[in-house]
PDB file of N, CA and C in Angstrom:
ATOM      1  N   UNK A   1      -0.661 -22.185   0.129  1.00  0.00           N
ATOM      2  CA  UNK A   1      -0.266 -21.068  -0.698  1.00  0.00           C
ATOM      3  C   UNK A   1      -1.041 -19.805  -0.311  1.00  0.00           C
ATOM      4  N   UNK A   2      -2.348 -19.926  -0.179  1.00  0.00           N
ATOM      5  CA  UNK A   2      -3.157 -18.783   0.213  1.00  0.00           C
ATOM      6  C   UNK A   2      -2.822 -18.381   1.646  1.00  0.00           C
ATOM      7  N   UNK A   3      -2.553 -19.385   2.474  1.00  0.00           N
ATOM      8  CA  UNK A   3      -2.210 -19.121   3.867  1.00  0.00           C
ATOM      9  C   UNK A   3      -0.899 -18.337   3.963  1.00  0.00           C
ATOM     10  N   UNK A   4       0.082 -18.702   3.134  1.00  0.00           N
ATOM     11  CA  UNK A   4       1.353 -17.991   3.119  1.00  0.00           C
ATOM     12  C   UNK A   4       1.175 -16.556   2.627  1.00  0.00           C
ATOM     13  N   UNK A   5       0.353 -16.387   1.612  1.00  0.00           N
ATOM     14  CA  UNK A   5       0.086 -15.050   1.079  1.00  0.00           C
ATOM     15  C   UNK A   5      -0.607 -14.182   2.125  1.00  0.00           C
ATOM     16  N   UNK A   6      -1.579 -14.762   2.819  1.00  0.00           N
ATOM     17  CA  UNK A   6      -2.282 -14.038   3.874  1.00  0.00           C
ATOM     18  C   UNK A   6      -1.332 -13.666   5.004  1.00  0.00           C
ATOM     19  N   UNK A   7      -0.472 -14.600   5.387  1.00  0.00           N
ATOM     20  CA  UNK A   7       0.483 -14.354   6.470  1.00  0.00           C
ATOM     21  C   UNK A   7       1.491 -13.269   6.083  1.00  0.00           C
ATOM     22  N   UNK A   8       1.902 -13.272   4.822  1.00  0.00           N
ATOM     23  CA  UNK A   8       2.884 -12.304   4.353  1.00  0.00           C
ATOM     24  C   UNK A   8       2.317 -10.884   4.363  1.00  0.00           C
ATOM     25  N   UNK A   9       1.040 -10.739   4.048  1.00  0.00           N
ATOM     26  CA  UNK A   9       0.427  -9.419   3.935  1.00  0.00           C
ATOM     27  C   UNK A   9      -0.532  -9.107   5.075  1.00  0.00           C
ATOM     28  N   UNK A  10      -0.439  -9.822   6.174  1.00  0.00           N
ATOM     29  CA  UNK A  10      -1.355  -9.630   7.294  1.00  0.00           C
ATOM     30  C   UNK A  10      -1.300  -8.211   7.841  1.00  0.00           C
ATOM     31  N   UNK A  11      -0.119  -7.653   7.968  1.00  0.00           N
ATOM     32  CA  UNK A  11       0.052  -6.306   8.515  1.00  0.00           C
ATOM     33  C   UNK A  11      -0.708  -5.284   7.670  1.00  0.00           C
ATOM     34  N   UNK A  12      -0.574  -5.360   6.355  1.00  0.00           N
ATOM     35  CA  UNK A  12      -1.248  -4.418   5.462  1.00  0.00           C
ATOM     36  C   UNK A  12      -2.757  -4.666   5.471  1.00  0.00           C
ATOM     37  N   UNK A  13      -3.180  -5.926   5.540  1.00  0.00           N
ATOM     38  CA  UNK A  13      -4.610  -6.241   5.578  1.00  0.00           C
ATOM     39  C   UNK A  13      -5.254  -5.653   6.826  1.00  0.00           C
ATOM     40  N   UNK A  14      -4.590  -5.790   7.970  1.00  0.00           N
ATOM     41  CA  UNK A  14      -5.128  -5.251   9.218  1.00  0.00           C
ATOM     42  C   UNK A  14      -5.240  -3.734   9.140  1.00  0.00           C
ATOM     43  N   UNK A  15      -4.214  -3.061   8.644  1.00  0.00           N
ATOM     44  CA  UNK A  15      -4.259  -1.610   8.530  1.00  0.00           C
ATOM     45  C   UNK A  15      -5.324  -1.158   7.533  1.00  0.00           C
ATOM     46  N   UNK A  16      -5.474  -1.879   6.429  1.00  0.00           N
ATOM     47  CA  UNK A  16      -6.484  -1.525   5.430  1.00  0.00           C
ATOM     48  C   UNK A  16      -7.884  -1.655   6.013  1.00  0.00           C
ATOM     49  N   UNK A  17      -8.145  -2.755   6.678  1.00  0.00           N
ATOM     50  CA  UNK A  17      -9.459  -2.961   7.294  1.00  0.00           C
ATOM     51  C   UNK A  17      -9.712  -1.911   8.380  1.00  0.00           C
ATOM     52  N   UNK A  18      -8.701  -1.640   9.188  1.00  0.00           N
ATOM     53  CA  UNK A  18      -8.843  -0.627  10.242  1.00  0.00           C
ATOM     54  C   UNK A  18      -9.114   0.754   9.653  1.00  0.00           C
ATOM     55  N   UNK A  19      -8.463   1.077   8.557  1.00  0.00           N
ATOM     56  CA  UNK A  19      -8.700   2.357   7.900  1.00  0.00           C
ATOM     57  C   UNK A  19     -10.109   2.466   7.360  1.00  0.00           C
ATOM     58  N   UNK A  20     -10.619   1.374   6.799  1.00  0.00           N
ATOM     59  CA  UNK A  20     -11.993   1.383   6.290  1.00  0.00           C
ATOM     60  C   UNK A  20     -12.994   1.576   7.427  1.00  0.00           C
ATOM     61  N   UNK A  21     -12.774   0.888   8.531  1.00  0.00           N
ATOM     62  CA  UNK A  21     -13.657   1.043   9.690  1.00  0.00           C
ATOM     63  C   UNK A  21     -13.560   2.460  10.241  1.00  0.00           C
ATOM     64  N   UNK A  22     -12.345   2.996  10.321  1.00  0.00           N
ATOM     65  CA  UNK A  22     -12.168   4.363  10.820  1.00  0.00           C
ATOM     66  C   UNK A  22     -12.852   5.377   9.901  1.00  0.00           C
ATOM     67  N   UNK A  23     -12.761   5.174   8.590  1.00  0.00           N
ATOM     68  CA  UNK A  23     -13.435   6.059   7.646  1.00  0.00           C
ATOM     69  C   UNK A  23     -14.942   6.027   7.807  1.00  0.00           C
ATOM     70  N   UNK A  24     -15.488   4.827   7.982  1.00  0.00           N
ATOM     71  CA  UNK A  24     -16.927   4.704   8.186  1.00  0.00           C
ATOM     72  C   UNK A  24     -17.353   5.354   9.494  1.00  0.00           C
ATOM     73  N   UNK A  25     -16.593   5.110  10.566  1.00  0.00           N
ATOM     74  CA  UNK A  25     -16.933   5.711  11.856  1.00  0.00           C
ATOM     75  C   UNK A  25     -16.802   7.229  11.819  1.00  0.00           C
ATOM     76  N   UNK A  26     -15.835   7.724  11.074  1.00  0.00           N
ATOM     77  CA  UNK A  26     -15.711   9.169  10.922  1.00  0.00           C
ATOM     78  C   UNK A  26     -16.961   9.739  10.255  1.00  0.00           C
ATOM     79  N   UNK A  27     -17.444   9.079   9.212  1.00  0.00           N
ATOM     80  CA  UNK A  27     -18.669   9.533   8.536  1.00  0.00           C
ATOM     81  C   UNK A  27     -19.862   9.451   9.486  1.00  0.00           C
ATOM     82  N   UNK A  28     -19.961   8.357  10.227  1.00  0.00           N
ATOM     83  CA  UNK A  28     -21.110   8.127  11.096  1.00  0.00           C
ATOM     84  C   UNK A  28     -21.124   9.078  12.286  1.00  0.00           C
ATOM     85  N   UNK A  29     -19.966   9.281  12.911  1.00  0.00           N
ATOM     86  CA  UNK A  29     -19.926  10.061  14.142  1.00  0.00           C
ATOM     87  C   UNK A  29     -19.687  11.554  13.918  1.00  0.00           C
ATOM     88  N   UNK A  30     -18.873  11.908  12.930  1.00  0.00           N
ATOM     89  CA  UNK A  30     -18.539  13.313  12.694  1.00  0.00           C
ATOM     90  C   UNK A  30     -19.189  13.791  11.407  1.00  0.00           C
ATOM     91  N   UNK A  31     -18.827  13.156  10.322  1.00  0.00           N
ATOM     92  CA  UNK A  31     -19.455  13.414   9.027  1.00  0.00           C
ATOM     93  C   UNK A  31     -19.388  14.854   8.559  1.00  0.00           C
ATOM     94  N   UNK A  32     -20.290  15.177   7.666  1.00  0.00           N
ATOM     95  CA  UNK A  32     -20.385  16.516   7.093  1.00  0.00           C
ATOM     96  C   UNK A  32     -21.827  16.993   7.274  1.00  0.00           C
ATOM     97  N   UNK A  33     -22.003  18.007   8.057  1.00  0.00           N
ATOM     98  CA  UNK A  33     -23.346  18.477   8.395  1.00  0.00           C
ATOM     99  C   UNK A  33     -24.074  19.102   7.208  1.00  0.00           C
ATOM    100  N   UNK A  34     -23.334  19.787   6.330  1.00  0.00           N
ATOM    101  CA  UNK A  34     -23.978  20.503   5.229  1.00  0.00           C
ATOM    102  C   UNK A  34     -24.188  19.623   4.005  1.00  0.00           C
ATOM    103  N   UNK A  35     -23.423  18.572   3.861  1.00  0.00           N
ATOM    104  CA  UNK A  35     -23.536  17.696   2.700  1.00  0.00           C
ATOM    105  C   UNK A  35     -22.730  18.185   1.510  1.00  0.00           C
ATOM    106  N   UNK A  36     -21.970  19.255   1.687  1.00  0.00           N
ATOM    107  CA  UNK A  36     -21.179  19.785   0.577  1.00  0.00           C
ATOM    108  C   UNK A  36     -19.747  19.264   0.558  1.00  0.00           C
ATOM    109  N   UNK A  37     -19.385  18.442   1.507  1.00  0.00           N
ATOM    110  CA  UNK A  37     -18.039  17.877   1.564  1.00  0.00           C
ATOM    111  C   UNK A  37     -17.977  16.667   0.626  1.00  0.00           C
ATOM    112  N   UNK A  38     -17.114  16.673  -0.378  1.00  0.00           N
ATOM    113  CA  UNK A  38     -17.114  15.585  -1.353  1.00  0.00           C
ATOM    114  C   UNK A  38     -16.711  14.229  -0.782  1.00  0.00           C
ATOM    115  N   UNK A  39     -15.823  14.207   0.200  1.00  0.00           N
ATOM    116  CA  UNK A  39     -15.356  12.928   0.733  1.00  0.00           C
ATOM    117  C   UNK A  39     -16.216  12.485   1.900  1.00  0.00           C
ATOM    118  N   UNK A  40     -16.609  13.396   2.749  1.00  0.00           N
ATOM    119  CA  UNK A  40     -17.283  13.036   3.993  1.00  0.00           C
ATOM    120  C   UNK A  40     -18.804  13.033   3.911  1.00  0.00           C
ATOM    121  N   UNK A  41     -19.373  13.412   2.793  1.00  0.00           N
ATOM    122  CA  UNK A  41     -20.833  13.542   2.749  1.00  0.00           C
ATOM    123  C   UNK A  41     -21.559  12.206   2.572  1.00  0.00           C
ATOM    124  N   UNK A  42     -20.924  11.225   1.964  1.00  0.00           N
ATOM    125  CA  UNK A  42     -21.541   9.906   1.797  1.00  0.00           C
ATOM    126  C   UNK A  42     -20.641   8.849   2.421  1.00  0.00           C
ATOM    127  N   UNK A  43     -21.248   7.785   2.929  1.00  0.00           N
ATOM    128  CA  UNK A  43     -20.506   6.791   3.692  1.00  0.00           C
ATOM    129  C   UNK A  43     -19.466   6.054   2.862  1.00  0.00           C
ATOM    130  N   UNK A  44     -19.782   5.748   1.615  1.00  0.00           N
ATOM    131  CA  UNK A  44     -18.856   4.934   0.825  1.00  0.00           C
ATOM    132  C   UNK A  44     -17.610   5.713   0.424  1.00  0.00           C
ATOM    133  N   UNK A  45     -17.706   7.022   0.236  1.00  0.00           N
ATOM    134  CA  UNK A  45     -16.507   7.807  -0.088  1.00  0.00           C
ATOM    135  C   UNK A  45     -15.603   7.936   1.137  1.00  0.00           C
ATOM    136  N   UNK A  46     -16.210   8.146   2.292  1.00  0.00           N
ATOM    137  CA  UNK A  46     -15.442   8.241   3.524  1.00  0.00           C
ATOM    138  C   UNK A  46     -14.775   6.903   3.859  1.00  0.00           C
ATOM    139  N   UNK A  47     -15.499   5.816   3.655  1.00  0.00           N
ATOM    140  CA  UNK A  47     -14.950   4.484   3.902  1.00  0.00           C
ATOM    141  C   UNK A  47     -13.825   4.175   2.916  1.00  0.00           C
ATOM    142  N   UNK A  48     -14.013   4.522   1.661  1.00  0.00           N
ATOM    143  CA  UNK A  48     -12.976   4.311   0.653  1.00  0.00           C
ATOM    144  C   UNK A  48     -11.730   5.135   0.971  1.00  0.00           C
ATOM    145  N   UNK A  49     -11.929   6.369   1.393  1.00  0.00           N
ATOM    146  CA  UNK A  49     -10.805   7.233   1.763  1.00  0.00           C
ATOM    147  C   UNK A  49     -10.034   6.619   2.936  1.00  0.00           C
ATOM    148  N   UNK A  50     -10.743   6.140   3.945  1.00  0.00           N
ATOM    149  CA  UNK A  50     -10.101   5.489   5.083  1.00  0.00           C
ATOM    150  C   UNK A  50      -9.378   4.224   4.678  1.00  0.00           C
ATOM    151  N   UNK A  51      -9.980   3.448   3.776  1.00  0.00           N
ATOM    152  CA  UNK A  51      -9.363   2.219   3.284  1.00  0.00           C
ATOM    153  C   UNK A  51      -8.039   2.528   2.582  1.00  0.00           C
ATOM    154  N   UNK A  52      -8.033   3.538   1.730  1.00  0.00           N
ATOM    155  CA  UNK A  52      -6.809   3.911   1.007  1.00  0.00           C
ATOM    156  C   UNK A  52      -5.740   4.411   1.976  1.00  0.00           C
ATOM    157  N   UNK A  53      -6.140   5.256   2.918  1.00  0.00           N
ATOM    158  CA  UNK A  53      -5.181   5.774   3.898  1.00  0.00           C
ATOM    159  C   UNK A  53      -4.641   4.650   4.787  1.00  0.00           C
ATOM    160  N   UNK A  54      -5.496   3.705   5.150  1.00  0.00           N
ATOM    161  CA  UNK A  54      -5.050   2.564   5.945  1.00  0.00           C
ATOM    162  C   UNK A  54      -4.063   1.701   5.190  1.00  0.00           C
ATOM    163  N   UNK A  55      -4.339   1.475   3.902  1.00  0.00           N
ATOM    164  CA  UNK A  55      -3.420   0.683   3.073  1.00  0.00           C
ATOM    165  C   UNK A  55      -2.062   1.371   2.953  1.00  0.00           C
ATOM    166  N   UNK A  56      -2.090   2.657   2.657  1.00  0.00           N
ATOM    167  CA  UNK A  56      -0.830   3.389   2.511  1.00  0.00           C
ATOM    168  C   UNK A  56      -0.050   3.438   3.813  1.00  0.00           C
ATOM    169  N   UNK A  57      -0.737   3.676   4.918  1.00  0.00           N
ATOM    170  CA  UNK A  57      -0.067   3.699   6.223  1.00  0.00           C
ATOM    171  C   UNK A  57       0.530   2.336   6.555  1.00  0.00           C
ATOM    172  N   UNK A  58      -0.237   1.284   6.348  1.00  0.00           N
ATOM    173  CA  UNK A  58       0.258  -0.061   6.626  1.00  0.00           C
ATOM    174  C   UNK A  58       1.453  -0.431   5.770  1.00  0.00           C
ATOM    175  N   UNK A  59       1.415  -0.036   4.519  1.00  0.00           N
ATOM    176  CA  UNK A  59       2.518  -0.331   3.615  1.00  0.00           C
ATOM    177  C   UNK A  59       3.787   0.408   4.026  1.00  0.00           C
ATOM    178  N   UNK A  60       3.644   1.671   4.377  1.00  0.00           N
ATOM    179  CA  UNK A  60       4.805   2.466   4.795  1.00  0.00           C
ATOM    180  C   UNK A  60       5.385   1.927   6.094  1.00  0.00           C
ATOM    181  N   UNK A  61       4.525   1.640   7.058  1.00  0.00           N
ATOM    182  CA  UNK A  61       5.008   1.140   8.347  1.00  0.00           C
ATOM    183  C   UNK A  61       5.654  -0.233   8.193  1.00  0.00           C
ATOM    184  N   UNK A  62       5.082  -1.094   7.360  1.00  0.00           N
ATOM    185  CA  UNK A  62       5.678  -2.412   7.130  1.00  0.00           C
ATOM    186  C   UNK A  62       7.072  -2.277   6.511  1.00  0.00           C
ATOM    187  N   UNK A  63       7.218  -1.386   5.533  1.00  0.00           N
ATOM    188  CA  UNK A  63       8.523  -1.178   4.917  1.00  0.00           C
ATOM    189  C   UNK A  63       9.530  -0.629   5.928  1.00  0.00           C
ATOM    190  N   UNK A  64       9.092   0.274   6.807  1.00  0.00           N
ATOM    191  CA  UNK A  64       9.986   0.810   7.832  1.00  0.00           C
ATOM    192  C   UNK A  64      10.418  -0.272   8.812  1.00  0.00           C
ATOM    193  N   UNK A  65       9.480  -1.102   9.221  1.00  0.00           N
ATOM    194  CA  UNK A  65       9.807  -2.181  10.162  1.00  0.00           C
ATOM    195  C   UNK A  65      10.787  -3.153   9.526  1.00  0.00           C
ATOM    196  N   UNK A  66      10.566  -3.504   8.275  1.00  0.00           N
ATOM    197  CA  UNK A  66      11.465  -4.428   7.587  1.00  0.00           C
ATOM    198  C   UNK A  66      12.857  -3.826   7.443  1.00  0.00           C
ATOM    199  N   UNK A  67      12.932  -2.563   7.050  1.00  0.00           N
ATOM    200  CA  UNK A  67      14.247  -1.943   6.867  1.00  0.00           C
ATOM    201  C   UNK A  67      14.975  -1.784   8.200  1.00  0.00           C
ATOM    202  N   UNK A  68      14.244  -1.469   9.272  1.00  0.00           N
ATOM    203  CA  UNK A  68      14.886  -1.356  10.582  1.00  0.00           C
ATOM    204  C   UNK A  68      15.352  -2.705  11.096  1.00  0.00           C
ATOM    205  N   UNK A  69      14.579  -3.756  10.837  1.00  0.00           N
ATOM    206  CA  UNK A  69      15.010  -5.079  11.291  1.00  0.00           C
ATOM    207  C   UNK A  69      16.232  -5.554  10.506  1.00  0.00           C
ATOM    208  N   UNK A  70      16.297  -5.230   9.228  1.00  0.00           N
ATOM    209  CA  UNK A  70      17.484  -5.576   8.445  1.00  0.00           C
ATOM    210  C   UNK A  70      18.696  -4.808   8.946  1.00  0.00           C
ATOM    211  N   UNK A  71      18.492  -3.541   9.284  1.00  0.00           N
ATOM    212  CA  UNK A  71      19.588  -2.719   9.783  1.00  0.00           C
ATOM    213  C   UNK A  71      20.082  -3.246  11.122  1.00  0.00           C
ATOM    214  N   UNK A  72      19.145  -3.684  11.987  1.00  0.00           N
ATOM    215  CA  UNK A  72      19.534  -4.258  13.271  1.00  0.00           C
ATOM    216  C   UNK A  72      20.312  -5.550  13.086  1.00  0.00           C
ATOM    217  N   UNK A  73      19.887  -6.382  12.149  1.00  0.00           N
ATOM    218  CA  UNK A  73      20.596  -7.636  11.895  1.00  0.00           C
ATOM    219  C   UNK A  73      22.001  -7.367  11.373  1.00  0.00           C
ATOM    220  N   UNK A  74      22.144  -6.379  10.500  1.00  0.00           N
ATOM    221  CA  UNK A  74      23.462  -6.036   9.978  1.00  0.00           C
ATOM    222  C   UNK A  74      24.333  -5.454  11.075  1.00  0.00           C
ATOM    223  N   UNK A  75      23.746  -4.651  11.948  1.00  0.00           N
ATOM    224  CA  UNK A  75      24.493  -4.057  13.051  1.00  0.00           C
ATOM    225  C   UNK A  75      24.958  -5.093  14.041  1.00  0.00           C
ATOM    226  N   UNK A  76      24.128  -6.079  14.315  1.00  0.00           N
ATOM    227  CA  UNK A  76      24.516  -7.122  15.259  1.00  0.00           C
ATOM    228  C   UNK A  76      25.581  -8.033  14.660  1.00  0.00           C
ATOM    229  N   UNK A  77      25.550  -8.257  13.363  1.00  0.00           N
ATOM    230  CA  UNK A  77      26.587  -9.089  12.758  1.00  0.00           C
ATOM    231  C   UNK A  77      27.912  -8.346  12.715  1.00  0.00           C
ATOM    232  N   UNK A  78      27.878  -7.015  12.563  1.00  0.00           N
ATOM    233  CA  UNK A  78      29.112  -6.225  12.606  1.00  0.00           C
ATOM    234  C   UNK A  78      29.700  -6.211  14.010  1.00  0.00           C
ATOM    235  N   UNK A  79      28.854  -6.133  15.027  1.00  0.00           N
ATOM    236  CA  UNK A  79      29.357  -6.091  16.398  1.00  0.00           C
ATOM    237  C   UNK A  79      29.921  -7.441  16.816  1.00  0.00           C
ATOM    238  N   UNK A  80      29.432  -8.524  16.228  1.00  0.00           N
ATOM    239  CA  UNK A  80      29.961  -9.844  16.550  1.00  0.00           C
ATOM    240  C   UNK A  80      31.373 -10.019  16.022  1.00  0.00           C
ATOM    241  N   UNK A  81      31.709  -9.339  14.954  1.00  0.00           N
ATOM    242  CA  UNK A  81      33.043  -9.472  14.368  1.00  0.00           C
ATOM    243  C   UNK A  81      33.945  -8.331  14.800  1.00  0.00           C
ATOM    244  N   UNK A  82      33.476  -7.515  15.742  1.00  0.00           N
ATOM    245  CA  UNK A  82      34.303  -6.415  16.191  1.00  0.00           C
ATOM    246  C   UNK A  82      34.069  -5.154  15.396  1.00  0.00           C
ATOM    247  N   UNK A  83      33.160  -5.152  14.458  1.00  0.00           N
ATOM    248  CA  UNK A  83      32.849  -3.969  13.676  1.00  0.00           C
ATOM    249  C   UNK A  83      33.916  -3.605  12.663  1.00  0.00           C
ATOM    250  N   UNK A  84      34.830  -4.511  12.395  1.00  0.00           N
ATOM    251  CA  UNK A  84      35.937  -4.197  11.503  1.00  0.00           C
ATOM    252  C   UNK A  84      35.842  -4.946  10.185  1.00  0.00           C
ATOM    253  N   UNK A  85      34.662  -5.258   9.746  1.00  0.00           N
ATOM    254  CA  UNK A  85      34.528  -5.967   8.479  1.00  0.00           C
ATOM    255  C   UNK A  85      34.833  -5.029   7.335  1.00  0.00           C
ATOM    256  N   UNK A  86      35.449  -5.542   6.330  1.00  0.00           N
ATOM    257  CA  UNK A  86      35.754  -4.755   5.149  1.00  0.00           C
ATOM    258  C   UNK A  86      37.045  -3.961   5.250  1.00  0.00           C
ATOM    259  N   UNK A  87      37.758  -4.057   6.348  1.00  0.00           N
ATOM    260  CA  UNK A  87      39.011  -3.333   6.497  1.00  0.00           C
ATOM    261  C   UNK A  87      40.183  -4.277   6.253  1.00  0.00           C
ATOM    262  N   UNK A  88      41.200  -3.736   5.668  1.00  0.00           N
ATOM    263  CA  UNK A  88      42.406  -4.535   5.463  1.00  0.00           C
ATOM    264  C   UNK A  88      43.308  -4.380   6.662  1.00  0.00           C
ATOM    265  N   UNK A  89      44.341  -5.201   6.759  1.00  0.00           N
ATOM    266  CA  UNK A  89      45.257  -5.154   7.905  1.00  0.00           C
ATOM    267  C   UNK A  89      45.998  -3.823   7.962  1.00  0.00           C
ATOM    268  N   UNK A  90      46.278  -3.219   6.828  1.00  0.00           N
ATOM    269  CA  UNK A  90      47.006  -1.946   6.826  1.00  0.00           C
ATOM    270  C   UNK A  90      46.153  -0.787   7.328  1.00  0.00           C
ATOM    271  N   UNK A  91      44.796  -0.916   7.241  1.00  0.00           N
ATOM    272  CA  UNK A  91      43.923   0.156   7.703  1.00  0.00           C
ATOM    273  C   UNK A  91      43.665   0.055   9.197  1.00  0.00           C
ATOM    274  N   UNK A  92      43.951  -1.060   9.824  1.00  0.00           N
ATOM    275  CA  UNK A  92      43.683  -1.250  11.252  1.00  0.00           C
ATOM    276  C   UNK A  92      44.723  -0.610  12.051  1.00  0.00           C
TER     277      UNK A  92
END
């Protein structure tokens, strides 16, 4: 059960983790020199920001991939039948 849940959400988990790492590296390598930046001045805010952005990006990309794969499957099933599904004989 846990394995299925992990497999189902693997794409979002990878993007979330990558976003958190990217946020931390941004703080470590670039950061905020003056300390007046609310998000970039401390490591945990930058990491949290990256984590949220990674989650949102992963979720959006996963939804796009799923919708495109469904569209491709529907397109291939229409082409197998000649693309004339849903038409009556009088419309042909």
